[in-house]
Amino acid sequence: MDIRRVPYDHPDAAKLDAEVQAEYHVRYGDGGDSTPMHPADFAPPNGVYLIAYDEAGVPVASGGWRVQDANGEGNRDGDAELKRMYVIEQMRGRGLARRLLTALEDDARAAGRVRMVLETGIRQPEAIALYTSSGYAPCEKFGYYRHHEDSRCYAKPL
């Protein structure tokens, strides 16, 4: 597996983002994740976006982190927010998400971030299982979906 840094607006990132949005629609019946995000959010040193490619060069997984400091949405100084973790269906169960998560945590730590935070939903039990088995614990709600009943937030010290 080849994990590469790419801009958030890279064509492969856009392709995988469209797939994850379609999955959100199936699971939640709405238009997907409406959290405002911009390519600059994931440009070092303020974040990074990673894509995992298989041996044939096909993009099969993605994820990123972006700087979040104390704000009116519940973040704390030193937060790195995990976004758009996704593995294509035919590649699930092979440890790709865990490898990508570790790479993102390592990168955020190297950038001086002190806590990784994420928001997911109750209709994503696989994601919740990944994060809790990787040391994440429930935390105060933050971000765009902090007032939504189905939203769950997790954090892990880096």
Protein backbone atom coordinates (compact mmCIF):
# COMPACT_ATOMS: atom_id res chain seq x y z
CA MET A 1 0.00 0.00 0.00
CA ASP A 2 1.30 3.42 -0.97
CA ILE A 3 0.12 6.30 1.23
CA ARG A 4 0.63 9.71 -0.38
CA ARG A 5 0.10 13.32 0.67
CA VAL A 6 -2.21 15.04 -1.79
CA PRO A 7 -4.06 18.35 -1.88
CA TYR A 8 -7.66 18.10 -0.67
CA ASP A 9 -8.83 19.21 -4.12
CA HIS A 10 -6.79 16.51 -5.93
CA PRO A 11 -9.00 14.54 -8.40
CA ASP A 12 -8.51 11.28 -6.44
CA ALA A 13 -9.53 13.03 -3.21
CA ALA A 14 -12.62 14.42 -4.93
CA LYS A 15 -13.51 10.93 -6.23
CA LEU A 16 -13.25 9.33 -2.78
CA ASP A 17 -15.05 12.26 -1.17
CA ALA A 18 -17.96 11.76 -3.56
CA GLU A 19 -18.06 8.08 -2.58
CA VAL A 20 -18.08 8.82 1.14
CA GLN A 21 -20.81 11.45 0.64
CA ALA A 22 -22.91 8.84 -1.19
CA GLU A 23 -22.40 6.44 1.72
CA TYR A 24 -23.49 9.12 4.20
CA HIS A 25 -26.62 9.59 2.11
CA VAL A 26 -27.41 5.87 2.30
CA ARG A 27 -26.79 5.74 6.05
CA TYR A 28 -28.41 9.03 7.07
CA GLY A 29 -30.80 9.79 4.21
CA ASP A 30 -29.62 13.35 3.77
CA GLY A 31 -27.25 15.22 1.49
CA GLY A 32 -24.04 14.02 3.15
CA ASP A 33 -21.62 15.87 5.41
CA SER A 34 -22.19 19.62 5.18
CA THR A 35 -19.23 20.59 7.35
CA PRO A 36 -17.51 23.56 5.67
CA MET A 37 -14.05 22.53 4.43
CA HIS A 38 -11.54 24.14 2.12
CA PRO A 39 -8.39 22.81 0.42
CA ALA A 40 -6.27 25.22 2.48
CA ASP A 41 -7.52 23.49 5.67
CA PHE A 42 -5.41 20.46 4.76
CA ALA A 43 -2.29 22.23 3.52
CA PRO A 44 0.76 21.81 5.78
CA PRO A 45 1.42 23.06 8.40
CA ASN A 46 -2.32 23.43 9.08
CA GLY A 47 -3.21 19.88 8.16
CA VAL A 48 -2.63 17.09 5.70
CA TYR A 49 -4.69 14.92 3.39
CA LEU A 50 -3.62 11.36 2.63
CA ILE A 51 -4.72 8.83 0.06
CA ALA A 52 -3.80 5.15 0.08
CA TYR A 53 -3.26 3.58 -3.33
CA ASP A 54 -3.24 -0.12 -4.12
CA GLU A 55 -0.52 -1.86 -6.15
CA ALA A 56 -2.21 -0.82 -9.41
CA GLY A 57 -2.28 2.85 -8.39
CA VAL A 58 -6.01 2.90 -7.66
CA PRO A 59 -7.07 5.20 -4.79
CA VAL A 60 -8.66 2.98 -2.11
CA ALA A 61 -8.69 5.01 1.13
CA SER A 62 -8.47 8.60 2.29
CA GLY A 63 -8.37 10.78 5.36
CA GLY A 64 -7.05 14.05 6.62
CA TRP A 65 -6.61 16.26 9.63
CA ARG A 66 -6.88 20.01 10.02
CA VAL A 67 -5.92 22.47 12.73
CA GLN A 68 -8.65 23.43 15.15
CA ASP A 69 -8.00 25.73 18.07
CA ALA A 70 -10.37 27.12 20.71
CA ASN A 71 -13.46 28.43 18.97
CA GLY A 72 -17.17 28.87 19.43
CA GLU A 73 -17.79 25.33 18.21
CA GLY A 74 -16.22 23.50 21.17
CA ASN A 75 -12.66 22.91 20.02
CA ARG A 76 -9.62 23.44 22.26
CA ASP A 77 -6.24 24.93 21.49
CA GLY A 78 -4.01 22.23 20.02
CA ASP A 79 -6.78 20.15 18.45
CA ALA A 80 -6.32 18.35 15.15
CA GLU A 81 -9.66 17.39 13.63
CA LEU A 82 -9.85 14.13 11.72
CA LYS A 83 -11.92 14.38 8.53
CA ARG A 84 -13.06 12.21 5.63
CA MET A 85 -11.72 8.85 6.79
CA TYR A 86 -12.94 6.43 4.14
CA VAL A 87 -12.03 3.03 2.69
CA ILE A 88 -13.72 1.76 -0.46
CA GLU A 89 -16.05 -1.14 0.23
CA GLN A 90 -14.02 -3.88 -1.51
CA MET A 91 -10.90 -3.00 0.52
CA ARG A 92 -12.48 -2.95 3.98
CA GLY A 93 -11.36 -5.35 6.69
CA ARG A 94 -7.68 -5.23 5.68
CA GLY A 95 -6.42 -2.73 8.25
CA LEU A 96 -6.20 0.21 5.84
CA ALA A 97 -8.22 2.58 8.03
CA ARG A 98 -6.03 1.79 11.03
CA ARG A 99 -2.83 2.39 9.00
CA LEU A 100 -4.19 5.66 7.68
CA LEU A 101 -5.32 6.73 11.15
CA THR A 102 -1.86 6.05 12.58
CA ALA A 103 -0.21 8.04 9.78
CA LEU A 104 -2.55 10.98 10.40
CA GLU A 105 -1.96 10.88 14.16
CA ASP A 106 1.81 10.79 13.63
CA ASP A 107 1.65 13.74 11.24
CA ALA A 108 -0.55 15.82 13.56
CA ARG A 109 1.76 15.06 16.50
CA ALA A 110 4.81 16.10 14.44
CA ALA A 111 3.00 19.36 13.62
CA GLY A 112 2.65 20.11 17.34
CA ARG A 113 -1.00 19.20 17.78
CA VAL A 114 -1.83 17.76 21.21
CA ARG A 115 -5.24 16.14 20.72
CA MET A 116 -6.93 14.42 17.77
CA VAL A 117 -10.69 14.91 17.69
CA LEU A 118 -13.37 13.56 15.40
CA GLU A 119 -17.08 13.56 14.86
CA THR A 120 -18.98 10.59 13.52
CA GLY A 121 -22.53 9.35 13.67
CA ILE A 122 -24.42 6.54 15.33
CA ARG A 123 -25.08 4.91 11.94
CA GLN A 124 -21.37 4.30 11.46
CA PRO A 125 -20.68 1.53 13.99
CA GLU A 126 -17.57 0.39 12.11
CA ALA A 127 -16.04 3.85 12.49
CA ILE A 128 -16.91 4.00 16.18
CA ALA A 129 -15.35 0.55 16.70
CA LEU A 130 -12.16 1.62 14.89
CA TYR A 131 -11.78 4.79 16.92
CA THR A 132 -12.56 3.30 20.33
CA SER A 133 -10.23 0.35 19.69
CA SER A 134 -7.53 2.90 18.73
CA GLY A 135 -7.70 4.74 22.05
CA TYR A 136 -10.35 7.37 21.34
CA ALA A 137 -12.83 8.19 24.09
CA PRO A 138 -16.11 10.10 23.96
CA CYS A 139 -15.62 13.83 24.47
CA GLU A 140 -17.68 17.00 24.57
CA LYS A 141 -19.43 17.66 21.29
CA PHE A 142 -17.83 20.12 18.90
CA GLY A 143 -18.05 21.29 15.32
CA TYR A 144 -20.76 21.65 12.76
CA TYR A 145 -22.90 18.75 14.03
CA ARG A 146 -22.49 19.38 17.77
CA HIS A 147 -26.24 19.95 18.20
CA HIS A 148 -27.33 16.86 16.24
CA GLU A 149 -28.68 13.94 18.27
CA ASP A 150 -27.05 11.29 16.05
CA SER A 151 -23.60 12.89 16.30
CA ARG A 152 -20.85 11.41 18.48
CA CYS A 153 -17.51 13.06 19.20
CA TYR A 154 -14.28 11.37 20.27
CA ALA A 155 -10.81 12.52 21.26
CA LYS A 156 -7.38 11.04 21.87
CA PRO A 157 -4.33 12.74 23.34
CA LEU A 158 -1.44 12.80 20.90
